[in-house]
Amino acid sequence: MATDYDAPRKNEEDSSEESIEELKARRHDKNSGKVDEDEAEAAESFELPGADLSHEELAVEVKPKQEDEFTCMSCFLVHHRSALADAKKMICNDCA
């Protein structure tokens, strides 16, 4: 958000009066405390641990390890050769 430094500044009394007026206006608004979210729709988006995901399909293409990649023997992630910290132990920079 851009700030206009040339605009006249408000003092503390002006800002407190505005905030009190805003609070009074919100107090009379009956819908201000309600949330516009359906609980059933919100519950459908959460996945519980151990849930049956056999009907789900993955949209990720799995490629075999390339010649310029290695598998770290500590974290077991596939990294590019540039991340190799110890060639004997086959450990990446993050684990070293």
Protein backbone atom coordinates (compact mmCIF):
# COMPACT_ATOMS: atom_id res chain seq x y z
CA MET A 1 0.00 0.00 0.00
CA ALA A 2 1.38 3.36 -1.02
CA THR A 3 1.80 6.07 1.59
CA ASP A 4 1.30 9.72 0.75
CA TYR A 5 3.86 11.51 2.90
CA ASP A 6 2.58 14.94 1.80
CA ALA A 7 -0.94 14.34 3.14
CA PRO A 8 -1.84 16.05 6.43
CA ARG A 9 -1.37 13.78 9.41
CA LYS A 10 -4.10 12.98 11.89
CA ASN A 11 -3.46 13.35 15.57
CA GLU A 12 -4.30 10.70 18.18
CA GLU A 13 -7.60 12.29 19.15
CA ASP A 14 -8.92 12.13 15.57
CA SER A 15 -7.94 8.49 15.15
CA SER A 16 -9.46 7.45 18.49
CA GLU A 17 -12.74 9.22 17.65
CA GLU A 18 -12.91 7.47 14.29
CA SER A 19 -12.23 4.06 15.80
CA ILE A 20 -14.90 4.55 18.48
CA GLU A 21 -17.41 5.54 15.81
CA GLU A 22 -16.49 2.51 13.74
CA LEU A 23 -16.90 0.22 16.75
CA LYS A 24 -20.33 1.66 17.48
CA ALA A 25 -21.35 1.11 13.87
CA ARG A 26 -20.14 -2.49 13.95
CA ARG A 27 -21.95 -3.16 17.23
CA HIS A 28 -25.28 -2.46 15.56
CA ASP A 29 -24.44 -4.68 12.63
CA LYS A 30 -25.99 -8.06 13.48
CA ASN A 31 -23.97 -10.03 10.92
CA SER A 32 -20.54 -8.78 11.98
CA GLY A 33 -19.82 -11.82 14.20
CA LYS A 34 -20.99 -14.44 11.72
CA VAL A 35 -18.64 -16.36 9.45
CA ASP A 36 -19.76 -17.00 5.88
CA GLU A 37 -18.37 -20.53 5.68
CA ASP A 38 -20.27 -23.77 5.45
CA GLU A 39 -18.91 -26.23 8.01
CA ALA A 40 -19.62 -29.26 5.82
CA GLU A 41 -17.64 -27.79 2.91
CA ALA A 42 -14.76 -26.87 5.20
CA ALA A 43 -14.66 -30.38 6.68
CA GLU A 44 -14.47 -31.99 3.22
CA SER A 45 -11.21 -30.22 2.42
CA PHE A 46 -9.34 -31.68 5.43
CA GLU A 47 -7.63 -35.05 5.13
CA LEU A 48 -7.25 -37.10 8.27
CA PRO A 49 -4.11 -39.20 8.88
CA GLY A 50 -4.68 -42.79 7.82
CA ALA A 51 -7.59 -41.87 5.53
CA ASP A 52 -8.35 -44.17 2.61
CA LEU A 53 -6.86 -42.50 -0.45
CA SER A 54 -7.06 -45.51 -2.79
CA HIS A 55 -9.57 -43.76 -5.03
CA GLU A 56 -7.30 -40.72 -5.51
CA GLU A 57 -5.07 -40.29 -8.57
CA LEU A 58 -1.70 -38.57 -8.53
CA ALA A 59 -1.08 -35.86 -11.08
CA VAL A 60 2.71 -36.02 -10.75
CA GLU A 61 5.03 -37.45 -13.35
CA VAL A 62 7.71 -39.61 -11.74
CA LYS A 63 11.02 -39.64 -13.59
CA PRO A 64 13.90 -42.03 -12.92
CA LYS A 65 17.10 -40.71 -11.37
CA GLN A 66 19.24 -38.94 -13.99
CA GLU A 67 22.97 -39.45 -14.55
CA ASP A 68 23.80 -36.09 -12.94
CA GLU A 69 21.83 -36.86 -9.76
CA PHE A 70 22.53 -38.86 -6.61
CA THR A 71 20.54 -40.19 -3.66
CA CYS A 72 21.64 -38.88 -0.29
CA MET A 73 22.30 -41.72 2.14
CA SER A 74 21.12 -39.61 5.08
CA CYS A 75 17.85 -38.01 3.97
CA PHE A 76 17.27 -40.35 0.96
CA LEU A 77 16.33 -37.46 -1.32
CA VAL A 78 17.53 -37.23 -4.91
CA HIS A 79 19.76 -34.18 -5.47
CA HIS A 80 21.81 -32.77 -8.33
CA ARG A 81 25.56 -33.55 -8.22
CA SER A 82 26.26 -29.91 -7.32
CA ALA A 83 24.69 -30.58 -3.88
CA LEU A 84 27.10 -33.44 -3.11
CA ALA A 85 29.09 -32.69 0.06
CA ASP A 86 30.83 -36.03 0.64
CA ALA A 87 31.37 -38.31 -2.36
CA LYS A 88 32.43 -41.32 -0.26
CA LYS A 89 29.41 -41.23 2.05
CA MET A 90 27.06 -39.85 -0.67
CA ILE A 91 25.70 -37.11 1.61
CA CYS A 92 24.16 -33.84 0.41
CA ASN A 93 25.11 -30.33 1.58
CA ASP A 94 21.99 -30.07 3.75
CA CYS A 95 22.82 -33.21 5.74
CA ALA A 96 26.57 -32.56 6.00
